[in-house]
Amino acid sequence: MNKFFQRLLSIFIPIGIVLVIFFCINLYNVFYVVNTNFDSENIKLYVKPNTNFVELKKQITPFVKSSYYFNIAADQKGYSSRVKSGLYIIPKKSNNNDIINILRGRSQAVKVTFNNHERLENLAGRVSKQIFLDSLSLINAFYDKTFILQHGFDSQNAISMYLPDTYEFFWDTSVVVFRQKMLESYNSFWNKDRIQKAKKIGLSKKDISILASIVQKESVMKDERPRIAGVYLNRLKKQMRLQADPTVIFALKDQNDNFDRKIRRVLYKDLKIKSPYNTYKYRGLPPGPICMPDLDAIDAVLNAENHKFLFFVADPQNRGYHLFGRNLKEHNFNKKKYIRWINKKKIYR
């Protein structure tokens, strides 16, 4: 009997050792052998919401050496039934264990940047290129009446809630989360100090944003913006029309529904356009911003320069800056310089 068991052991022990070795090798191949198939330092894998494992396999197959071993590893780790959406960065020379841990982990954030768009439609188009949100969904959320009225906006000034900057979002963030973060950033920007300055000026937060959008369009020179803001505040105090060329340009674009149009010169006939945005025809501020003003432009209005200037015109000798006048005599003198220069440059439209 002892000899019989000895013979069995002599047979099964080697078989067992072989099986263990086979199992270990297979386990190693499935989980720990490098399984990436790209030369760059990493690849970005964008997994859309509601992606199933079959779709995920098609997406990742070009980037792995063995989709067979990847599938086994995914099943073993329970990932195949719990695919998560988001942006995932997979480094070169990752094994299946690494890859699946990355895909099961937290999605990477992306930076979303936008600047001085003239309409919410343009903002939607810009944002949709950076995160997984289509522009139509964004536009509907931006103009959602319940939301904008709840937070004190309307369809014409709702654009003032979106402050040009760089933000971080998950690539697969929802439209509701995006809009809410924009609101929170807006409320955070309008701290007690800024609200107090707006009250001192006698304008609401939305009025400040409207005026800042005009200042934004008038000058790219940040150091000059407080002076320009001071001009418009002086005109408002005297109940003068703002007579801001950028508002006329906006009115022309709005009337023709063509915001891609380039208008370099405002003509006298343009000043007659019937639009609430035409500040040559109507007193006070237009009904909404003519673009998203920079944070710097808003602060320029809140910290406007105290002076007696009522007019300004582009300075031909100092590009980007303006010549300021306290009365029509000074303004007409400055204006002649500008007209001579613009005609010399043959800028007729």
Protein backbone atom coordinates (compact mmCIF):
# COMPACT_ATOMS: atom_id res chain seq x y z
CA MET A 1 0.00 0.00 0.00
CA ASN A 2 2.78 2.41 0.88
CA LYS A 3 4.45 1.67 -2.41
CA PHE A 4 1.14 2.32 -4.23
CA PHE A 5 0.75 5.77 -2.62
CA GLN A 6 4.36 6.50 -3.28
CA ARG A 7 3.78 5.77 -6.94
CA LEU A 8 0.68 8.00 -6.99
CA LEU A 9 2.58 10.79 -5.31
CA SER A 10 5.43 10.37 -7.73
CA ILE A 11 2.92 10.87 -10.56
CA PHE A 12 0.67 13.62 -9.18
CA ILE A 13 3.28 15.80 -7.50
CA PRO A 14 5.04 16.59 -10.77
CA ILE A 15 1.64 17.13 -12.41
CA GLY A 16 0.65 19.46 -9.57
CA ILE A 17 3.90 21.36 -9.86
CA VAL A 18 3.36 21.73 -13.59
CA LEU A 19 -0.20 22.97 -13.02
CA VAL A 20 0.95 25.46 -10.41
CA ILE A 21 3.69 26.70 -12.70
CA PHE A 22 1.19 26.95 -15.57
CA PHE A 23 -1.26 28.81 -13.37
CA CYS A 24 1.42 31.24 -12.19
CA ILE A 25 2.68 31.86 -15.70
CA ASN A 26 -0.86 32.43 -16.94
CA LEU A 27 -1.62 34.72 -14.01
CA TYR A 28 1.54 36.65 -14.73
CA ASN A 29 0.72 36.93 -18.44
CA VAL A 30 -2.83 38.07 -17.72
CA PHE A 31 -2.05 40.70 -15.09
CA TYR A 32 1.63 41.62 -14.99
CA VAL A 33 3.14 41.45 -18.48
CA VAL A 34 3.37 44.85 -20.21
CA ASN A 35 0.34 45.10 -22.48
CA THR A 36 0.50 48.54 -24.06
CA ASN A 37 1.00 48.96 -27.78
CA PHE A 38 1.94 52.60 -28.36
CA ASP A 39 5.18 54.61 -28.47
CA SER A 40 4.05 57.84 -26.82
CA GLU A 41 4.51 58.38 -23.09
CA ASN A 42 0.80 57.84 -22.55
CA ILE A 43 -2.55 57.79 -24.29
CA LYS A 44 -5.78 59.51 -23.33
CA LEU A 45 -8.80 57.25 -23.36
CA TYR A 46 -12.13 59.09 -23.50
CA VAL A 47 -14.90 56.77 -22.32
CA LYS A 48 -18.33 58.15 -23.10
CA PRO A 49 -21.23 57.83 -20.64
CA ASN A 50 -23.21 54.57 -20.97
CA THR A 51 -20.33 52.80 -22.73
CA ASN A 52 -20.55 49.02 -22.28
CA PHE A 53 -17.62 46.62 -22.14
CA VAL A 54 -17.99 45.51 -25.78
CA GLU A 55 -17.64 49.13 -26.89
CA LEU A 56 -14.79 49.71 -24.45
CA LYS A 57 -12.90 46.69 -25.88
CA LYS A 58 -13.19 48.11 -29.42
CA GLN A 59 -11.90 51.43 -28.16
CA ILE A 60 -8.89 50.07 -26.27
CA THR A 61 -7.88 47.23 -28.64
CA PRO A 62 -5.59 49.41 -30.84
CA PHE A 63 -3.59 50.36 -27.74
CA VAL A 64 -3.00 46.91 -26.21
CA LYS A 65 -0.84 44.04 -27.41
CA SER A 66 -3.27 41.34 -26.29
CA SER A 67 -6.96 42.08 -26.10
CA TYR A 68 -7.43 38.43 -25.10
CA TYR A 69 -5.46 38.82 -21.87
CA PHE A 70 -7.05 42.23 -21.27
CA ASN A 71 -10.53 40.67 -21.47
CA ILE A 72 -9.60 37.94 -18.99
CA ALA A 73 -8.10 40.46 -16.56
CA ALA A 74 -11.19 42.70 -16.86
CA ASP A 75 -13.48 39.74 -16.06
CA GLN A 76 -11.33 38.63 -13.14
CA LYS A 77 -11.26 42.12 -11.63
CA GLY A 78 -14.99 42.69 -12.18
CA TYR A 79 -14.45 45.64 -14.49
CA SER A 80 -16.29 44.21 -17.49
CA SER A 81 -19.62 44.70 -15.72
CA ARG A 82 -18.79 48.13 -14.28
CA VAL A 83 -17.38 50.33 -17.04
CA LYS A 84 -17.00 53.96 -15.94
CA SER A 85 -17.13 57.00 -18.19
CA GLY A 86 -14.50 59.72 -18.12
CA LEU A 87 -11.01 60.60 -19.27
CA TYR A 88 -8.28 58.14 -18.34
CA ILE A 89 -4.56 58.49 -18.98
CA ILE A 90 -2.75 55.18 -19.54
CA PRO A 91 1.08 55.33 -19.35
CA LYS A 92 3.35 53.42 -21.69
CA LYS A 93 4.49 49.99 -20.43
CA SER A 94 1.40 49.48 -18.25
CA ASN A 95 0.21 45.94 -17.55
CA ASN A 96 -3.43 44.86 -17.47
CA ASN A 97 -3.59 45.23 -13.72
CA ASP A 98 -2.41 48.84 -14.05
CA ILE A 99 -4.74 49.59 -16.94
CA ILE A 100 -7.84 48.25 -15.22
CA ASN A 101 -7.01 49.97 -11.94
CA ILE A 102 -6.73 53.24 -13.89
CA LEU A 103 -10.05 52.62 -15.66
CA ARG A 104 -11.73 51.78 -12.36
CA GLY A 105 -10.24 54.83 -10.66
CA ARG A 106 -11.11 58.51 -10.71
CA SER A 107 -11.58 60.21 -14.05
CA GLN A 108 -9.03 62.87 -14.97
CA ALA A 109 -10.07 66.51 -14.85
CA VAL A 110 -9.66 68.70 -17.92
CA LYS A 111 -9.12 72.44 -18.12
CA VAL A 112 -11.96 74.36 -19.73
CA THR A 113 -11.05 77.82 -20.96
CA PHE A 114 -13.21 80.45 -22.63
CA ASN A 115 -12.84 84.16 -23.23
CA ASN A 116 -14.92 87.13 -24.38
CA HIS A 117 -17.65 85.51 -26.43
CA GLU A 118 -20.45 87.77 -27.59
CA ARG A 119 -23.25 85.24 -27.16
CA LEU A 120 -24.06 82.19 -25.09
CA GLU A 121 -24.29 80.24 -28.36
CA ASN A 122 -20.59 80.93 -28.96
CA LEU A 123 -19.77 79.87 -25.41
CA ALA A 124 -21.64 76.60 -25.92
CA GLY A 125 -19.66 75.88 -29.06
CA ARG A 126 -16.38 76.57 -27.30
CA VAL A 127 -17.15 74.46 -24.22
CA SER A 128 -18.46 71.52 -26.27
CA LYS A 129 -15.03 71.19 -27.87
CA GLN A 130 -13.37 70.72 -24.49
CA ILE A 131 -15.69 68.39 -22.56
CA PHE A 132 -18.28 65.77 -23.50
CA LEU A 133 -21.28 68.07 -23.78
CA ASP A 134 -23.04 68.94 -27.01
CA SER A 135 -23.61 72.60 -27.77
CA LEU A 136 -27.40 72.26 -28.06
CA SER A 137 -27.70 70.84 -24.52
CA LEU A 138 -25.54 73.67 -23.24
CA ILE A 139 -27.56 76.35 -25.05
CA ASN A 140 -30.82 74.95 -23.65
CA ALA A 141 -29.32 74.97 -20.13
CA PHE A 142 -27.95 78.50 -20.52
CA TYR A 143 -31.33 79.87 -21.61
CA ASP A 144 -33.43 77.74 -19.25
CA LYS A 145 -36.04 80.27 -18.05
CA THR A 146 -36.62 78.66 -14.68
CA PHE A 147 -32.91 78.68 -13.86
CA ILE A 148 -32.07 82.19 -15.05
CA LEU A 149 -35.11 83.79 -13.44
CA GLN A 150 -34.47 81.92 -10.19
CA HIS A 151 -31.04 83.53 -9.99
CA GLY A 152 -32.06 87.02 -11.04
CA PHE A 153 -31.12 87.00 -14.72
CA ASP A 154 -33.01 87.21 -17.98
CA SER A 155 -32.25 86.00 -21.50
CA GLN A 156 -30.34 89.18 -22.39
CA ASN A 157 -28.09 89.43 -19.33
CA ALA A 158 -27.69 85.72 -18.48
CA ILE A 159 -24.33 85.82 -20.27
CA SER A 160 -22.93 87.93 -17.42
CA MET A 161 -23.03 84.82 -15.18
CA TYR A 162 -20.24 83.20 -17.20
CA LEU A 163 -16.91 84.74 -16.26
CA PRO A 164 -14.04 84.20 -18.73
CA ASP A 165 -11.37 82.11 -17.03
CA THR A 166 -9.89 78.60 -16.88
CA TYR A 167 -11.85 76.02 -14.92
CA GLU A 168 -11.42 72.33 -14.11
CA PHE A 169 -14.15 69.81 -14.93
CA PHE A 170 -14.38 66.09 -15.36
CA TRP A 171 -14.52 65.37 -19.08
CA ASP A 172 -17.90 63.65 -18.71
CA THR A 173 -19.42 66.27 -16.42
CA SER A 174 -23.14 66.93 -16.79
CA VAL A 175 -24.61 70.15 -18.16
CA VAL A 176 -26.27 70.80 -14.78
CA VAL A 177 -22.94 70.49 -12.95
CA PHE A 178 -21.24 72.78 -15.47
CA ARG A 179 -23.90 75.47 -15.13
CA GLN A 180 -23.92 75.21 -11.34
CA LYS A 181 -20.16 75.65 -11.15
CA MET A 182 -20.42 78.75 -13.32
CA LEU A 183 -23.01 80.17 -10.94
CA GLU A 184 -20.83 79.38 -7.92
CA SER A 185 -17.82 81.06 -9.56
CA TYR A 186 -19.97 84.11 -10.33
CA ASN A 187 -21.20 84.34 -6.73
CA SER A 188 -17.68 83.84 -5.42
CA PHE A 189 -16.33 86.63 -7.63
CA TRP A 190 -18.99 89.02 -6.40
CA ASN A 191 -17.71 89.18 -2.85
CA LYS A 192 -18.71 91.78 -0.26
CA ASP A 193 -16.01 94.20 -1.37
CA ARG A 194 -17.11 94.22 -5.02
CA ILE A 195 -20.80 94.40 -4.10
CA GLN A 196 -20.07 97.39 -1.87
CA LYS A 197 -18.17 99.14 -4.68
CA ALA A 198 -21.07 98.53 -7.09
CA LYS A 199 -23.52 100.03 -4.60
CA LYS A 200 -21.29 103.06 -4.19
CA ILE A 201 -21.33 103.57 -7.97
CA GLY A 202 -25.09 103.11 -7.99
CA LEU A 203 -25.21 100.16 -10.36
CA SER A 204 -26.28 96.54 -9.94
CA LYS A 205 -23.93 93.61 -10.52
CA LYS A 206 -25.51 93.00 -13.91
CA ASP A 207 -25.23 96.69 -14.83
CA ILE A 208 -21.54 96.60 -13.92
CA SER A 209 -21.08 93.59 -16.21
CA ILE A 210 -22.88 95.39 -19.05
CA LEU A 211 -20.69 98.47 -18.71
CA ALA A 212 -17.58 96.28 -18.33
CA SER A 213 -18.40 94.54 -21.61
CA ILE A 214 -18.37 97.91 -23.36
CA VAL A 215 -15.06 98.82 -21.70
CA GLN A 216 -13.74 95.40 -22.75
CA LYS A 217 -14.56 96.09 -26.39
CA GLU A 218 -13.23 99.65 -26.29
CA SER A 219 -9.72 98.82 -25.12
CA VAL A 220 -7.42 95.83 -24.80
CA MET A 221 -5.07 97.97 -22.71
CA LYS A 222 -5.77 96.98 -19.12
CA ASP A 223 -4.06 100.05 -17.69
CA GLU A 224 -6.40 102.33 -19.66
CA ARG A 225 -9.68 100.61 -18.85
CA PRO A 226 -10.31 102.40 -15.52
CA ARG A 227 -10.09 105.73 -17.38
CA ILE A 228 -12.52 104.61 -20.08
CA ALA A 229 -14.87 103.30 -17.40
CA GLY A 230 -14.67 106.72 -15.75
CA VAL A 231 -15.79 108.38 -19.01
CA TYR A 232 -18.90 106.24 -19.24
CA LEU A 233 -19.75 106.69 -15.58
CA ASN A 234 -19.44 110.46 -16.04
CA ARG A 235 -21.81 110.30 -19.01
CA LEU A 236 -24.32 108.20 -17.06
CA LYS A 237 -24.26 110.70 -14.19
CA LYS A 238 -24.97 113.55 -16.62
CA GLN A 239 -27.69 111.45 -18.32
CA MET A 240 -25.78 111.66 -21.60
CA ARG A 241 -26.03 108.90 -24.15
CA LEU A 242 -23.04 106.55 -23.89
CA GLN A 243 -22.46 106.74 -27.66
CA ALA A 244 -20.28 103.64 -27.59
CA ASP A 245 -19.32 102.32 -31.03
CA PRO A 246 -19.02 98.68 -29.83
CA THR A 247 -22.73 98.69 -28.92
CA VAL A 248 -23.61 99.77 -32.46
CA ILE A 249 -21.42 97.01 -33.88
CA PHE A 250 -23.20 94.51 -31.64
CA ALA A 251 -26.59 95.88 -32.76
CA LEU A 252 -25.62 95.46 -36.42
CA LYS A 253 -24.50 91.87 -35.86
CA ASP A 254 -27.59 91.11 -33.81
CA GLN A 255 -29.94 92.60 -36.40
CA ASN A 256 -28.42 90.47 -39.17
CA ASP A 257 -27.87 87.46 -36.88
CA ASN A 258 -24.27 87.35 -38.09
CA PHE A 259 -21.75 87.46 -35.26
CA ASP A 260 -18.92 86.31 -37.51
CA ARG A 261 -19.09 89.60 -39.38
CA LYS A 262 -16.06 91.86 -39.02
CA ILE A 263 -16.85 95.57 -38.65
CA ARG A 264 -13.79 97.82 -38.32
CA ARG A 265 -15.51 101.18 -38.75
CA VAL A 266 -18.89 102.50 -37.62
CA LEU A 267 -20.55 104.73 -40.21
CA TYR A 268 -22.93 107.61 -39.54
CA LYS A 269 -25.81 105.66 -41.09
CA ASP A 270 -25.17 102.86 -38.56
CA LEU A 271 -25.95 105.22 -35.69
CA LYS A 272 -29.62 105.25 -36.73
CA ILE A 273 -30.17 101.52 -36.27
CA LYS A 274 -33.25 100.79 -34.17
CA SER A 275 -31.94 98.53 -31.46
CA PRO A 276 -31.91 98.78 -27.66
CA TYR A 277 -28.17 98.13 -27.96
CA ASN A 278 -27.64 101.33 -29.95
CA THR A 279 -26.33 103.71 -27.27
CA TYR A 280 -26.23 106.56 -29.79
CA LYS A 281 -30.02 106.39 -30.05
CA TYR A 282 -31.04 105.38 -26.53
CA ARG A 283 -29.92 106.65 -23.14
CA GLY A 284 -28.57 104.43 -20.41
CA LEU A 285 -27.10 100.98 -20.59
CA PRO A 286 -28.09 98.38 -23.20
CA PRO A 287 -30.24 95.48 -21.96
CA GLY A 288 -27.33 93.07 -21.68
CA PRO A 289 -23.56 92.68 -22.08
CA ILE A 290 -22.22 92.87 -25.62
CA CYS A 291 -19.63 90.24 -24.68
CA MET A 292 -18.33 88.38 -21.66
CA PRO A 293 -16.09 90.95 -19.96
CA ASP A 294 -12.79 89.92 -18.42
CA LEU A 295 -12.58 89.95 -14.65
CA ASP A 296 -10.10 92.79 -15.16
CA ALA A 297 -12.70 94.82 -17.10
CA ILE A 298 -15.28 94.36 -14.34
CA ASP A 299 -12.75 95.50 -11.75
CA ALA A 300 -11.87 98.46 -13.99
CA VAL A 301 -15.49 99.65 -13.69
CA LEU A 302 -15.59 99.00 -9.96
CA ASN A 303 -12.34 100.95 -9.57
CA ALA A 304 -12.95 103.54 -12.27
CA GLU A 305 -10.66 106.55 -12.51
CA ASN A 306 -12.12 109.76 -11.09
CA HIS A 307 -11.74 112.48 -13.73
CA LYS A 308 -13.75 114.97 -15.84
CA PHE A 309 -13.35 113.38 -19.27
CA LEU A 310 -16.55 112.88 -21.27
CA PHE A 311 -15.16 111.84 -24.64
CA PHE A 312 -12.41 109.69 -26.12
CA VAL A 313 -11.23 108.55 -29.51
CA ALA A 314 -8.50 106.19 -30.71
CA ASP A 315 -4.99 107.66 -30.60
CA PRO A 316 -3.32 107.22 -34.04
CA GLN A 317 0.12 107.85 -32.55
CA ASN A 318 -0.21 105.38 -29.70
CA ARG A 319 -1.87 102.25 -31.01
CA GLY A 320 -4.30 100.62 -28.61
CA TYR A 321 -4.71 103.74 -26.50
CA HIS A 322 -7.06 106.72 -26.74
CA LEU A 323 -7.16 110.50 -26.65
CA PHE A 324 -9.49 111.93 -24.00
CA GLY A 325 -11.45 115.17 -23.97
CA ARG A 326 -13.38 117.06 -21.31
CA ASN A 327 -15.63 118.86 -23.79
CA LEU A 328 -16.68 118.84 -27.43
CA LYS A 329 -13.95 121.27 -28.44
CA GLU A 330 -11.23 118.97 -27.15
CA HIS A 331 -13.00 115.92 -28.55
CA ASN A 332 -13.44 117.37 -32.05
CA PHE A 333 -9.75 118.29 -32.10
CA ASN A 334 -8.82 114.70 -31.20
CA LYS A 335 -11.43 113.29 -33.56
CA LYS A 336 -9.95 115.11 -36.58
CA LYS A 337 -6.63 113.37 -35.93
CA TYR A 338 -8.34 110.02 -35.86
CA ILE A 339 -10.45 110.63 -39.00
CA ARG A 340 -7.38 111.71 -40.97
CA TRP A 341 -5.57 108.58 -39.87
CA ILE A 342 -8.43 106.15 -40.61
CA ASN A 343 -9.00 107.68 -44.05
CA LYS A 344 -5.28 107.46 -44.78
CA LYS A 345 -5.43 103.77 -43.88
CA LYS A 346 -8.47 103.41 -46.22
CA ILE A 347 -10.54 101.70 -43.57
CA TYR A 348 -14.04 102.27 -44.85
CA ARG A 349 -15.87 99.40 -43.14
